[in-house]
C-alpha atoms as a PDB file:
ATOM      1  CA  MET A   1     -16.051  43.658 -27.129  1.00  0.00           C
ATOM      2  CA  GLU A   2     -13.144  46.338 -28.674  1.00  0.00           C
ATOM      3  CA  ASP A   3      -9.856  45.620 -29.525  1.00  0.00           C
ATOM      4  CA  SER A   4      -8.515  43.905 -26.372  1.00  0.00           C
ATOM      5  CA  ALA A   5      -4.800  44.910 -27.256  1.00  0.00           C
ATOM      6  CA  ASP A   6      -5.981  48.411 -26.499  1.00  0.00           C
ATOM      7  CA  THR A   7      -4.126  50.021 -23.035  1.00  0.00           C
ATOM      8  CA  ARG A   8      -3.838  53.625 -23.246  1.00  0.00           C
ATOM      9  CA  PRO A   9      -6.032  55.324 -20.047  1.00  0.00           C
ATOM     10  CA  ILE A  10      -9.177  56.361 -19.912  1.00  0.00           C
ATOM     11  CA  LEU A  11     -10.228  59.373 -18.049  1.00  0.00           C
ATOM     12  CA  ILE A  12     -13.687  59.656 -16.516  1.00  0.00           C
ATOM     13  CA  ILE A  13     -15.197  62.521 -15.234  1.00  0.00           C
ATOM     14  CA  PRO A  14     -17.947  61.928 -13.034  1.00  0.00           C
ATOM     15  CA  TYR A  15     -20.586  64.251 -10.917  1.00  0.00           C
ATOM     16  CA  MET A  16     -19.127  65.018  -7.558  1.00  0.00           C
ATOM     17  CA  TRP A  17     -21.931  64.802  -5.632  1.00  0.00           C
ATOM     18  CA  ILE A  18     -21.699  62.052  -3.415  1.00  0.00           C
ATOM     19  CA  GLY A  19     -24.337  60.209  -4.522  1.00  0.00           C
ATOM     20  CA  ASP A  20     -23.999  60.195  -7.996  1.00  0.00           C
ATOM     21  CA  PHE A  21     -20.382  60.019  -8.148  1.00  0.00           C
ATOM     22  CA  VAL A  22     -21.262  56.341  -6.395  1.00  0.00           C
ATOM     23  CA  ARG A  23     -23.695  55.545  -9.364  1.00  0.00           C
ATOM     24  CA  GLY A  24     -20.848  56.626 -11.655  1.00  0.00           C
ATOM     25  CA  HIS A  25     -18.966  53.244 -10.296  1.00  0.00           C
ATOM     26  CA  THR A  26     -21.317  51.842 -13.276  1.00  0.00           C
ATOM     27  CA  VAL A  27     -19.809  53.897 -16.147  1.00  0.00           C
ATOM     28  CA  VAL A  28     -16.076  52.007 -14.545  1.00  0.00           C
ATOM     29  CA  ARG A  29     -17.797  48.209 -15.463  1.00  0.00           C
ATOM     30  CA  VAL A  30     -19.311  49.398 -18.513  1.00  0.00           C
ATOM     31  CA  LEU A  31     -15.403  50.311 -19.603  1.00  0.00           C
ATOM     32  CA  LYS A  32     -13.920  47.408 -18.130  1.00  0.00           C
ATOM     33  CA  GLN A  33     -16.068  45.331 -19.616  1.00  0.00           C
ATOM     34  CA  ARG A  34     -15.674  46.872 -23.316  1.00  0.00           C
ATOM     35  CA  TRP A  35     -12.254  47.624 -22.651  1.00  0.00           C
ATOM     36  CA  PRO A  36     -10.296  45.029 -20.108  1.00  0.00           C
ATOM     37  CA  ASN A  37      -6.935  46.027 -20.538  1.00  0.00           C
ATOM     38  CA  ARG A  38      -7.606  49.912 -20.850  1.00  0.00           C
ATOM     39  CA  PRO A  39      -6.580  51.786 -16.918  1.00  0.00           C
ATOM     40  CA  VAL A  40      -9.441  53.826 -15.671  1.00  0.00           C
ATOM     41  CA  ASP A  41      -8.833  56.347 -13.285  1.00  0.00           C
ATOM     42  CA  LEU A  42     -11.789  59.389 -11.797  1.00  0.00           C
ATOM     43  CA  LEU A  43     -11.378  62.870 -11.663  1.00  0.00           C
ATOM     44  CA  VAL A  44     -12.262  63.592  -7.854  1.00  0.00           C
ATOM     45  CA  THR A  45     -12.780  65.709  -5.025  1.00  0.00           C
ATOM     46  CA  PRO A  46     -11.450  65.900  -2.021  1.00  0.00           C
ATOM     47  CA  LEU A  47     -14.978  64.999  -0.558  1.00  0.00           C
ATOM     48  CA  CYS A  48     -15.326  61.846  -2.522  1.00  0.00           C
ATOM     49  CA  ALA A  49     -11.144  60.360  -2.287  1.00  0.00           C
ATOM     50  CA  PRO A  50     -11.768  58.226  -0.283  1.00  0.00           C
ATOM     51  CA  LEU A  51     -14.423  56.332  -2.626  1.00  0.00           C
ATOM     52  CA  VAL A  52     -12.388  55.717  -5.013  1.00  0.00           C
ATOM     53  CA  ASP A  53     -10.258  53.072  -2.659  1.00  0.00           C
ATOM     54  CA  TYR A  54     -12.927  51.000  -2.367  1.00  0.00           C
ATOM     55  CA  MET A  55     -13.666  50.841  -6.287  1.00  0.00           C
ATOM     56  CA  PRO A  56     -12.712  47.780  -8.018  1.00  0.00           C
ATOM     57  CA  GLY A  57     -11.818  48.511 -11.813  1.00  0.00           C
ATOM     58  CA  VAL A  58     -10.353  51.730 -10.873  1.00  0.00           C
ATOM     59  CA  ARG A  59      -6.424  52.817 -11.184  1.00  0.00           C
ATOM     60  CA  ALA A  60      -6.267  56.260  -9.621  1.00  0.00           C
ATOM     61  CA  GLY A  61      -8.097  59.161  -8.236  1.00  0.00           C
ATOM     62  CA  ILE A  62      -7.001  61.929  -9.898  1.00  0.00           C
ATOM     63  CA  VAL A  63      -8.274  64.929  -6.848  1.00  0.00           C
ATOM     64  CA  TRP A  64      -8.422  68.126  -7.593  1.00  0.00           C
ATOM     65  CA  ASN A  65     -10.726  71.016  -6.314  1.00  0.00           C
ATOM     66  CA  LEU A  66     -12.500  72.878  -8.873  1.00  0.00           C
ATOM     67  CA  PRO A  67     -14.925  75.766  -7.907  1.00  0.00           C
ATOM     68  CA  ARG A  68     -18.015  75.159  -8.361  1.00  0.00           C
ATOM     69  CA  SER A  69     -19.483  78.507  -8.717  1.00  0.00           C
ATOM     70  CA  ARG A  70     -16.358  80.490 -11.280  1.00  0.00           C
ATOM     71  CA  LEU A  71     -15.100  79.045 -13.977  1.00  0.00           C
ATOM     72  CA  ALA A  72     -11.159  79.302 -12.092  1.00  0.00           C
ATOM     73  CA  LEU A  73      -8.556  79.053 -15.423  1.00  0.00           C
ATOM     74  CA  ALA A  74      -6.107  78.639 -13.288  1.00  0.00           C
ATOM     75  CA  LYS A  75      -6.946  75.488 -11.927  1.00  0.00           C
ATOM     76  CA  GLN A  76      -8.458  74.213 -15.000  1.00  0.00           C
ATOM     77  CA  ARG A  77      -5.190  74.972 -16.804  1.00  0.00           C
ATOM     78  CA  GLY A  78      -2.846  73.269 -13.593  1.00  0.00           C
ATOM     79  CA  LEU A  79      -5.542  70.407 -13.898  1.00  0.00           C
ATOM     80  CA  ALA A  80      -4.488  70.156 -17.745  1.00  0.00           C
ATOM     81  CA  THR A  81      -1.345  69.526 -17.096  1.00  0.00           C
ATOM     82  CA  GLU A  82      -1.392  66.465 -14.778  1.00  0.00           C
ATOM     83  CA  LEU A  83      -3.744  65.156 -17.270  1.00  0.00           C
ATOM     84  CA  ARG A  84      -1.378  65.793 -20.370  1.00  0.00           C
ATOM     85  CA  ALA A  85       1.208  64.404 -18.500  1.00  0.00           C
ATOM     86  CA  ARG A  86      -1.283  61.288 -17.932  1.00  0.00           C
ATOM     87  CA  GLY A  87      -1.575  60.214 -22.010  1.00  0.00           C
ATOM     88  CA  TYR A  88      -5.064  59.978 -21.719  1.00  0.00           C
ATOM     89  CA  GLY A  89      -6.847  58.250 -24.560  1.00  0.00           C
ATOM     90  CA  THR A  90     -10.374  58.979 -24.077  1.00  0.00           C
ATOM     91  CA  ALA A  91     -11.955  61.446 -21.550  1.00  0.00           C
ATOM     92  CA  LEU A  92     -15.626  60.865 -21.116  1.00  0.00           C
ATOM     93  CA  VAL A  93     -17.235  63.538 -19.700  1.00  0.00           C
ATOM     94  CA  LEU A  94     -20.061  63.669 -17.463  1.00  0.00           C
ATOM     95  CA  PRO A  95     -21.776  66.366 -16.489  1.00  0.00           C
ATOM     96  CA  ARG A  96     -23.375  68.461 -19.429  1.00  0.00           C
ATOM     97  CA  THR A  97     -21.592  71.220 -18.284  1.00  0.00           C
ATOM     98  CA  TRP A  98     -19.129  73.683 -20.267  1.00  0.00           C
ATOM     99  CA  LYS A  99     -17.047  74.269 -17.408  1.00  0.00           C
ATOM    100  CA  ALA A 100     -16.338  70.130 -16.667  1.00  0.00           C
ATOM    101  CA  ALA A 101     -14.817  70.059 -20.721  1.00  0.00           C
ATOM    102  CA  ILE A 102     -12.020  72.358 -19.932  1.00  0.00           C
ATOM    103  CA  ALA A 103      -9.805  70.517 -18.910  1.00  0.00           C
ATOM    104  CA  PRO A 104      -9.898  67.376 -21.212  1.00  0.00           C
ATOM    105  CA  ALA A 105      -9.760  69.615 -24.128  1.00  0.00           C
ATOM    106  CA  LEU A 106      -6.896  71.533 -22.811  1.00  0.00           C
ATOM    107  CA  ALA A 107      -5.066  68.511 -22.178  1.00  0.00           C
ATOM    108  CA  GLY A 108      -5.337  67.617 -25.971  1.00  0.00           C
ATOM    109  CA  ILE A 109      -6.821  63.960 -24.845  1.00  0.00           C
ATOM    110  CA  PRO A 110      -7.670  62.804 -28.329  1.00  0.00           C
ATOM    111  CA  GLU A 111     -11.141  61.197 -27.733  1.00  0.00           C
ATOM    112  CA  ARG A 112     -13.752  63.861 -25.447  1.00  0.00           C
ATOM    113  CA  VAL A 113     -17.158  61.941 -25.161  1.00  0.00           C
ATOM    114  CA  GLY A 114     -19.755  63.128 -23.712  1.00  0.00           C
ATOM    115  CA  PHE A 115     -23.458  64.464 -24.551  1.00  0.00           C
ATOM    116  CA  PHE A 116     -24.127  67.603 -26.428  1.00  0.00           C
ATOM    117  CA  GLY A 117     -24.550  69.932 -22.968  1.00  0.00           C
ATOM    118  CA  GLU A 118     -24.404  73.571 -22.909  1.00  0.00           C
ATOM    119  CA  ALA A 119     -22.973  73.990 -26.175  1.00  0.00           C
ATOM    120  CA  ARG A 120     -19.656  72.386 -26.168  1.00  0.00           C
ATOM    121  CA  PHE A 121     -19.010  72.436 -29.703  1.00  0.00           C
ATOM    122  CA  GLY A 122     -14.748  71.852 -30.101  1.00  0.00           C
ATOM    123  CA  LEU A 123     -14.537  70.699 -26.261  1.00  0.00           C
ATOM    124  CA  ILE A 124     -16.352  67.626 -26.739  1.00  0.00           C
ATOM    125  CA  ASN A 125     -15.004  65.926 -30.258  1.00  0.00           C
ATOM    126  CA  ARG A 126     -17.257  62.865 -29.879  1.00  0.00           C
ATOM    127  CA  MET A 127     -20.372  64.831 -29.207  1.00  0.00           C
ATOM    128  CA  ARG A 128     -23.342  62.392 -28.648  1.00  0.00           C
ATOM    129  CA  TRP A 129     -26.760  63.306 -28.501  1.00  0.00           C
ATOM    130  CA  GLY A 130     -30.663  62.319 -27.455  1.00  0.00           C
ATOM    131  CA  GLU A 131     -29.678  62.812 -23.769  1.00  0.00           C
ATOM    132  CA  LYS A 132     -33.208  64.081 -23.124  1.00  0.00           C
ATOM    133  CA  ALA A 133     -34.771  60.669 -24.277  1.00  0.00           C
ATOM    134  CA  LEU A 134     -32.501  58.771 -21.777  1.00  0.00           C
ATOM    135  CA  PRO A 135     -35.313  57.930 -19.226  1.00  0.00           C
ATOM    136  CA  ARG A 136     -32.258  58.106 -15.860  1.00  0.00           C
ATOM    137  CA  PHE A 137     -29.880  59.255 -14.481  1.00  0.00           C
ATOM    138  CA  ILE A 138     -27.711  56.425 -14.429  1.00  0.00           C
ATOM    139  CA  ASP A 139     -29.335  55.870 -18.714  1.00  0.00           C
ATOM    140  CA  LYS A 140     -27.835  59.185 -19.270  1.00  0.00           C
ATOM    141  CA  ASN A 141     -23.961  58.706 -17.852  1.00  0.00           C
ATOM    142  CA  ALA A 142     -23.638  54.489 -18.512  1.00  0.00           C
ATOM    143  CA  ALA A 143     -24.458  55.204 -22.548  1.00  0.00           C
ATOM    144  CA  LEU A 144     -21.522  57.702 -22.739  1.00  0.00           C
ATOM    145  CA  ALA A 145     -19.392  54.307 -22.218  1.00  0.00           C
ATOM    146  CA  LEU A 146     -20.917  52.227 -25.003  1.00  0.00           C
ATOM    147  CA  PRO A 147     -20.507  53.149 -28.416  1.00  0.00           C
ATOM    148  CA  ASP A 148     -22.740  55.826 -30.234  1.00  0.00           C
ATOM    149  CA  SER A 149     -26.064  54.385 -31.111  1.00  0.00           C
ATOM    150  CA  THR A 150     -25.952  51.502 -29.246  1.00  0.00           C
ATOM    151  CA  PRO A 151     -29.370  50.481 -27.727  1.00  0.00           C
ATOM    152  CA  LEU A 152     -29.500  50.590 -23.693  1.00  0.00           C
ATOM    153  CA  PRO A 153     -28.714  47.205 -21.975  1.00  0.00           C
ATOM    154  CA  PRO A 154     -32.017  45.991 -20.145  1.00  0.00           C
ATOM    155  CA  GLU A 155     -29.864  46.059 -16.585  1.00  0.00           C
ATOM    156  CA  TRP A 156     -26.703  47.999 -16.047  1.00  0.00           C
ATOM    157  CA  PRO A 157     -24.057  46.730 -14.165  1.00  0.00           C
ATOM    158  CA  VAL A 158     -24.507  47.745 -10.177  1.00  0.00           C
ATOM    159  CA  PRO A 159     -21.984  50.217  -8.443  1.00  0.00           C
ATOM    160  CA  GLN A 160     -19.278  48.105  -6.008  1.00  0.00           C
ATOM    161  CA  LEU A 161     -17.514  49.313  -3.053  1.00  0.00           C
ATOM    162  CA  VAL A 162     -15.505  46.396  -1.499  1.00  0.00           C
ATOM    163  CA  VAL A 163     -14.459  47.250   1.665  1.00  0.00           C
ATOM    164  CA  PRO A 164     -12.305  44.621   3.457  1.00  0.00           C
ATOM    165  CA  PRO A 165     -14.057  43.098   6.976  1.00  0.00           C
ATOM    166  CA  GLU A 166     -10.658  43.588   9.093  1.00  0.00           C
ATOM    167  CA  GLU A 167     -10.818  47.406   7.826  1.00  0.00           C
ATOM    168  CA  THR A 168     -14.158  47.713   9.694  1.00  0.00           C
ATOM    169  CA  ALA A 169     -13.435  45.500  12.274  1.00  0.00           C
ATOM    170  CA  ARG A 170     -10.346  47.634  13.522  1.00  0.00           C
ATOM    171  CA  TRP A 171     -12.441  51.059  12.850  1.00  0.00           C
ATOM    172  CA  ARG A 172     -15.086  50.022  15.084  1.00  0.00           C
ATOM    173  CA  GLN A 173     -12.397  48.258  17.852  1.00  0.00           C
ATOM    174  CA  ALA A 174     -10.481  52.271  17.809  1.00  0.00           C
ATOM    175  CA  SER A 175     -14.032  53.895  17.591  1.00  0.00           C
ATOM    176  CA  GLY A 176     -14.814  51.911  21.325  1.00  0.00           C
ATOM    177  CA  LEU A 177     -17.966  50.723  19.172  1.00  0.00           C
ATOM    178  CA  GLY A 178     -17.807  47.247  20.157  1.00  0.00           C
ATOM    179  CA  THR A 179     -19.236  43.851  18.157  1.00  0.00           C
ATOM    180  CA  GLY A 180     -22.660  44.165  18.475  1.00  0.00           C
ATOM    181  CA  PRO A 181     -25.361  44.574  16.146  1.00  0.00           C
ATOM    182  CA  ALA A 182     -25.617  47.538  14.914  1.00  0.00           C
ATOM    183  CA  VAL A 183     -28.269  50.188  12.815  1.00  0.00           C
ATOM    184  CA  ALA A 184     -26.582  52.940  10.823  1.00  0.00           C
ATOM    185  CA  PHE A 185     -28.756  56.294  10.520  1.00  0.00           C
ATOM    186  CA  GLY A 186     -28.285  58.353   7.160  1.00  0.00           C
ATOM    187  CA  PRO A 187     -30.630  61.541   8.455  1.00  0.00           C
ATOM    188  CA  GLY A 188     -28.988  64.061   6.083  1.00  0.00           C
ATOM    189  CA  SER A 189     -29.630  64.813   2.671  1.00  0.00           C
ATOM    190  CA  VAL A 190     -29.550  67.715  -0.215  1.00  0.00           C
ATOM    191  CA  GLY A 191     -32.376  69.477   0.052  1.00  0.00           C
ATOM    192  CA  ALA A 192     -34.726  69.833   3.227  1.00  0.00           C
ATOM    193  CA  SER A 193     -38.125  67.602   1.838  1.00  0.00           C
ATOM    194  CA  LYS A 194     -35.878  64.442   1.437  1.00  0.00           C
ATOM    195  CA  ARG A 195     -35.621  64.864   5.024  1.00  0.00           C
ATOM    196  CA  TRP A 196     -37.479  62.473   7.397  1.00  0.00           C
ATOM    197  CA  THR A 197     -37.952  64.207  10.531  1.00  0.00           C
ATOM    198  CA  TYR A 198     -38.625  60.681  13.097  1.00  0.00           C
ATOM    199  CA  TYR A 199     -35.301  59.812  13.255  1.00  0.00           C
ATOM    200  CA  PRO A 200     -34.797  60.718  17.041  1.00  0.00           C
ATOM    201  CA  GLU A 201     -37.931  58.926  17.824  1.00  0.00           C
ATOM    202  CA  ALA A 202     -36.815  55.148  16.083  1.00  0.00           C
ATOM    203  CA  ALA A 203     -33.904  55.684  17.694  1.00  0.00           C
ATOM    204  CA  ARG A 204     -35.577  55.480  20.741  1.00  0.00           C
ATOM    205  CA  LEU A 205     -37.017  52.282  19.554  1.00  0.00           C
ATOM    206  CA  LEU A 206     -34.415  50.419  18.607  1.00  0.00           C
ATOM    207  CA  VAL A 207     -32.239  51.679  21.109  1.00  0.00           C
ATOM    208  CA  GLU A 208     -34.922  50.050  23.875  1.00  0.00           C
ATOM    209  CA  ARG A 209     -34.913  46.743  21.810  1.00  0.00           C
ATOM    210  CA  GLY A 210     -31.629  46.469  22.640  1.00  0.00           C
ATOM    211  CA  LEU A 211     -30.161  47.580  19.208  1.00  0.00           C
ATOM    212  CA  ASP A 212     -26.829  50.042  18.627  1.00  0.00           C
ATOM    213  CA  VAL A 213     -27.837  53.168  16.864  1.00  0.00           C
ATOM    214  CA  TRP A 214     -24.744  54.975  14.972  1.00  0.00           C
ATOM    215  CA  VAL A 215     -25.597  58.489  13.535  1.00  0.00           C
ATOM    216  CA  VAL A 216     -23.602  59.002  10.019  1.00  0.00           C
ATOM    217  CA  GLY A 217     -23.228  61.894   8.178  1.00  0.00           C
ATOM    218  CA  GLY A 218     -21.325  65.579   7.737  1.00  0.00           C
ATOM    219  CA  PRO A 219     -20.707  68.600   9.831  1.00  0.00           C
ATOM    220  CA  GLY A 220     -24.419  69.880   8.565  1.00  0.00           C
ATOM    221  CA  GLU A 221     -25.729  66.761  10.186  1.00  0.00           C
ATOM    222  CA  LYS A 222     -24.508  67.630  13.812  1.00  0.00           C
ATOM    223  CA  THR A 223     -27.232  69.368  15.330  1.00  0.00           C
ATOM    224  CA  LEU A 224     -29.427  66.179  14.365  1.00  0.00           C
ATOM    225  CA  ALA A 225     -27.032  63.859  15.277  1.00  0.00           C
ATOM    226  CA  GLN A 226     -27.535  65.748  19.164  1.00  0.00           C
ATOM    227  CA  GLU A 227     -31.026  65.547  19.138  1.00  0.00           C
ATOM    228  CA  ILE A 228     -31.116  61.634  18.155  1.00  0.00           C
ATOM    229  CA  VAL A 229     -28.352  61.078  20.904  1.00  0.00           C
ATOM    230  CA  SER A 230     -30.673  63.103  23.741  1.00  0.00           C
ATOM    231  CA  ALA A 231     -33.518  61.249  22.645  1.00  0.00           C
ATOM    232  CA  THR A 232     -32.088  57.950  22.950  1.00  0.00           C
ATOM    233  CA  GLY A 233     -30.611  59.057  26.802  1.00  0.00           C
ATOM    234  CA  GLY A 234     -26.806  59.106  25.666  1.00  0.00           C
ATOM    235  CA  LYS A 235     -26.793  55.481  24.300  1.00  0.00           C
ATOM    236  CA  ALA A 236     -26.689  56.428  20.614  1.00  0.00           C
ATOM    237  CA  ARG A 237     -23.210  57.332  18.802  1.00  0.00           C
ATOM    238  CA  ASP A 238     -22.782  60.509  16.813  1.00  0.00           C
ATOM    239  CA  LEU A 239     -20.254  59.883  14.009  1.00  0.00           C
ATOM    240  CA  THR A 240     -20.800  62.764  12.356  1.00  0.00           C
ATOM    241  CA  GLY A 241     -17.512  64.662  11.117  1.00  0.00           C
ATOM    242  CA  THR A 242     -15.568  65.852   7.688  1.00  0.00           C
ATOM    243  CA  ASP A 243     -14.301  62.962   7.103  1.00  0.00           C
ATOM    244  CA  LEU A 244     -16.252  60.875   4.374  1.00  0.00           C
ATOM    245  CA  ARG A 245     -14.196  57.289   4.780  1.00  0.00           C
ATOM    246  CA  ASN A 246     -15.377  57.175   8.664  1.00  0.00           C
ATOM    247  CA  GLY A 247     -18.988  57.374   6.451  1.00  0.00           C
ATOM    248  CA  ILE A 248     -18.058  54.248   4.614  1.00  0.00           C
ATOM    249  CA  LEU A 249     -16.644  52.190   7.279  1.00  0.00           C
ATOM    250  CA  ALA A 250     -19.750  52.794   9.684  1.00  0.00           C
ATOM    251  CA  MET A 251     -22.158  51.593   6.707  1.00  0.00           C
ATOM    252  CA  ALA A 252     -20.025  48.575   6.060  1.00  0.00           C
ATOM    253  CA  ALA A 253     -20.121  47.661   9.541  1.00  0.00           C
ATOM    254  CA  ALA A 254     -23.811  48.503  10.309  1.00  0.00           C
ATOM    255  CA  SER A 255     -26.217  45.366  10.225  1.00  0.00           C
ATOM    256  CA  VAL A 256     -28.791  47.449   8.704  1.00  0.00           C
ATOM    257  CA  ALA A 257     -28.553  51.153   7.137  1.00  0.00           C
ATOM    258  CA  ILE A 258     -31.172  53.836   6.997  1.00  0.00           C
ATOM    259  CA  SER A 259     -31.073  56.377   5.172  1.00  0.00           C
ATOM    260  CA  ASN A 260     -32.870  59.408   3.367  1.00  0.00           C
ATOM    261  CA  ASP A 261     -32.694  59.573  -0.856  1.00  0.00           C
ATOM    262  CA  SER A 262     -28.890  60.924  -0.299  1.00  0.00           C
ATOM    263  CA  GLY A 263     -25.108  59.925  -0.742  1.00  0.00           C
ATOM    264  CA  LEU A 264     -25.323  57.410   2.130  1.00  0.00           C
ATOM    265  CA  MET A 265     -28.353  55.791   1.107  1.00  0.00           C
ATOM    266  CA  HIS A 266     -25.654  54.611  -2.371  1.00  0.00           C
ATOM    267  CA  ILE A 267     -23.013  54.185  -0.392  1.00  0.00           C
ATOM    268  CA  ALA A 268     -24.665  51.956   1.780  1.00  0.00           C
ATOM    269  CA  ALA A 269     -25.916  50.337  -0.683  1.00  0.00           C
ATOM    270  CA  ALA A 270     -23.352  49.615  -2.915  1.00  0.00           C
ATOM    271  CA  ILE A 271     -21.361  48.179   0.099  1.00  0.00           C
ATOM    272  CA  GLY A 272     -23.951  45.685   0.251  1.00  0.00           C
ATOM    273  CA  THR A 273     -25.768  46.641   3.693  1.00  0.00           C
ATOM    274  CA  PRO A 274     -28.999  45.674   3.780  1.00  0.00           C
ATOM    275  CA  THR A 275     -30.505  49.503   2.762  1.00  0.00           C
ATOM    276  CA  MET A 276     -33.425  50.879   3.741  1.00  0.00           C
ATOM    277  CA  GLY A 277     -34.343  54.327   1.749  1.00  0.00           C
ATOM    278  CA  ILE A 278     -36.918  56.777   3.200  1.00  0.00           C
ATOM    279  CA  PHE A 279     -38.377  58.918  -0.162  1.00  0.00           C
ATOM    280  CA  GLY A 280     -41.046  61.012  -0.107  1.00  0.00           C
ATOM    281  CA  PRO A 281     -40.425  64.159  -2.448  1.00  0.00           C
ATOM    282  CA  THR A 282     -38.598  62.160  -5.164  1.00  0.00           C
ATOM    283  CA  SER A 283     -38.591  58.936  -7.159  1.00  0.00           C
ATOM    284  CA  PRO A 284     -37.513  55.280  -6.352  1.00  0.00           C
ATOM    285  CA  TYR A 285     -37.239  54.185 -10.260  1.00  0.00           C
ATOM    286  CA  LEU A 286     -35.653  57.216 -10.616  1.00  0.00           C
ATOM    287  CA  TRP A 287     -32.917  57.594  -8.112  1.00  0.00           C
ATOM    288  CA  ALA A 288     -33.063  54.491  -5.840  1.00  0.00           C
ATOM    289  CA  PRO A 289     -29.219  52.698  -5.878  1.00  0.00           C
ATOM    290  CA  LEU A 290     -29.441  49.970  -9.070  1.00  0.00           C
ATOM    291  CA  ASN A 291     -28.150  47.329  -6.108  1.00  0.00           C
ATOM    292  CA  GLY A 292     -31.387  47.500  -4.877  1.00  0.00           C
ATOM    293  CA  LEU A 293     -32.473  47.889  -1.290  1.00  0.00           C
ATOM    294  CA  ALA A 294     -33.707  45.739   1.101  1.00  0.00           C
ATOM    295  CA  ALA A 295     -36.377  48.083   1.796  1.00  0.00           C
ATOM    296  CA  THR A 296     -38.000  50.986   0.116  1.00  0.00           C
ATOM    297  CA  VAL A 297     -39.927  52.647   2.421  1.00  0.00           C
ATOM    298  CA  LEU A 298     -42.729  55.426   1.267  1.00  0.00           C
ATOM    299  CA  GLN A 299     -45.906  57.320   2.339  1.00  0.00           C
ATOM    300  CA  THR A 300     -48.613  54.739   1.463  1.00  0.00           C
ATOM    301  CA  LYS A 301     -51.404  55.551   3.234  1.00  0.00           C
ATOM    302  CA  SER A 302     -52.931  57.892   0.706  1.00  0.00           C
ATOM    303  CA  LYS A 303     -51.449  59.073  -2.590  1.00  0.00           C
ATOM    304  CA  LEU A 304     -50.620  62.099  -2.831  1.00  0.00           C
ATOM    305  CA  SER A 305     -51.488  64.144  -5.719  1.00  0.00           C
ATOM    306  CA  CYS A 306     -47.954  66.281  -5.774  1.00  0.00           C
ATOM    307  CA  GLN A 307     -45.540  62.933  -5.134  1.00  0.00           C
ATOM    308  CA  PRO A 308     -43.127  62.226  -6.326  1.00  0.00           C
ATOM    309  CA  CYS A 309     -42.258  66.358  -7.073  1.00  0.00           C
ATOM    310  CA  GLN A 310     -38.848  66.332  -6.437  1.00  0.00           C
ATOM    311  CA  ARG A 311     -38.883  69.171  -5.185  1.00  0.00           C
ATOM    312  CA  THR A 312     -35.945  70.743  -2.265  1.00  0.00           C
ATOM    313  CA  VAL A 313     -38.241  71.846  -0.412  1.00  0.00           C
ATOM    314  CA  CYS A 314     -42.004  70.747   0.061  1.00  0.00           C
ATOM    315  CA  THR A 315     -44.582  73.723  -0.994  1.00  0.00           C
ATOM    316  CA  MET A 316     -47.803  72.106  -0.673  1.00  0.00           C
ATOM    317  CA  ASN A 317     -49.475  69.636   1.729  1.00  0.00           C
ATOM    318  CA  ASP A 318     -47.350  70.372   4.508  1.00  0.00           C
ATOM    319  CA  HIS A 319     -44.368  67.265   3.632  1.00  0.00           C
ATOM    320  CA  ARG A 320     -47.363  64.608   4.139  1.00  0.00           C
ATOM    321  CA  CYS A 321     -44.815  62.452   2.037  1.00  0.00           C
ATOM    322  CA  MET A 322     -42.702  62.206   5.475  1.00  0.00           C
ATOM    323  CA  ARG A 323     -44.792  63.085   8.019  1.00  0.00           C
ATOM    324  CA  ASP A 324     -47.096  60.371   7.163  1.00  0.00           C
ATOM    325  CA  ILE A 325     -43.996  57.069   7.524  1.00  0.00           C
ATOM    326  CA  ALA A 326     -44.187  56.814  11.471  1.00  0.00           C
ATOM    327  CA  ALA A 327     -41.065  56.107  13.089  1.00  0.00           C
ATOM    328  CA  ALA A 328     -42.709  53.076  14.555  1.00  0.00           C
ATOM    329  CA  GLU A 329     -43.137  51.194  10.686  1.00  0.00           C
ATOM    330  CA  VAL A 330     -39.641  52.268  10.450  1.00  0.00           C
ATOM    331  CA  ALA A 331     -38.382  50.677  13.554  1.00  0.00           C
ATOM    332  CA  ASP A 332     -40.718  47.431  12.746  1.00  0.00           C
ATOM    333  CA  ILE A 333     -39.084  47.210   9.033  1.00  0.00           C
ATOM    334  CA  ALA A 334     -35.171  47.825  10.294  1.00  0.00           C
ATOM    335  CA  GLN A 335     -35.808  44.368  12.346  1.00  0.00           C
ATOM    336  CA  ARG A 336     -37.704  42.243   9.924  1.00  0.00           C
ATOM    337  CA  VAL A 337     -34.590  43.199   7.457  1.00  0.00           C
ATOM    338  CA  MET A 338     -31.723  42.654  10.369  1.00  0.00           C
ATOM    339  CA  ALA A 339     -33.529  39.102  10.982  1.00  0.00           C
ATOM    340  CA  GLN A 340     -33.486  37.803   7.296  1.00  0.00           C
ATOM    341  CA  SER A 341     -29.993  39.304   6.817  1.00  0.00           C
ATOM    342  CA  SER A 342     -29.164  37.044   9.435  1.00  0.00           C
ATOM    343  CA  VAL A 343     -30.521  33.890   8.511  1.00  0.00           C
ATOM    344  CA  ARG A 344     -28.625  34.169   4.620  1.00  0.00           C
END
């Protein structure tokens, strides 16, 4: 335990993909164990900003939209001015890019912790080494919250998203979703190879068994949501849209969530909703939520030589790692998960 009298605020520069941002809450929890009296803030994009409202231990989110494809020095200077005014004593720069470290350096934050990454001499002044030797993405991130050269713990604190039940109840009522058991689908993902293609058939089976089905995702999932709704004769609900808060509340209100390896899977698991993760090209060891899944659905009929490939587009075996997962199998597992969770 470090000095409990230390009250200097800490800034985390996290990864901004939704799933990675959720997993970054583990870093918050490690910091609060180490320094219980130091406020912790997160830099956040407008997309991910609603997540901060549900993260215990986070004082504030600093909403700032830095372009991915260019340096944007004017915006970096503006962010640095904002950070300087907040008086941070420490910044943890989780991304290994040069660009991620610019604003903390311009702001003059005294301790700027990060891995060597893109040769960030001068920008990072508490340089860490050995990133490539760390086995998982979460190990690379959370290690920065520990003193240098500290052995990794056997388990990290799991991410948490705490959504008040009364908020989900109001959301269900306002959305006209009733109070019955519902299955939330997260059919999208970054990379086509991670997308299971039988959601429409699974939705039809679940609706036939008397369950509500909600399709959750961003604008990119709108077409798929319409296919799912059509397969159920209009009984499934399309809840896709631009506001991530809507997705958070849907995952909190659902009885079970079924998702590809995506940000929504991490959201549902961090909330504590029983979550089924469908994995094909990616490794659950590397990418599944720390929270654990109610079920990890994999292609299991025969081990493919290419699995896991970690590729965003399938280049061999005609996507068998996902095609061999049957809709009936997923629907049956979902019902078992719901039955188990209802007796707890």
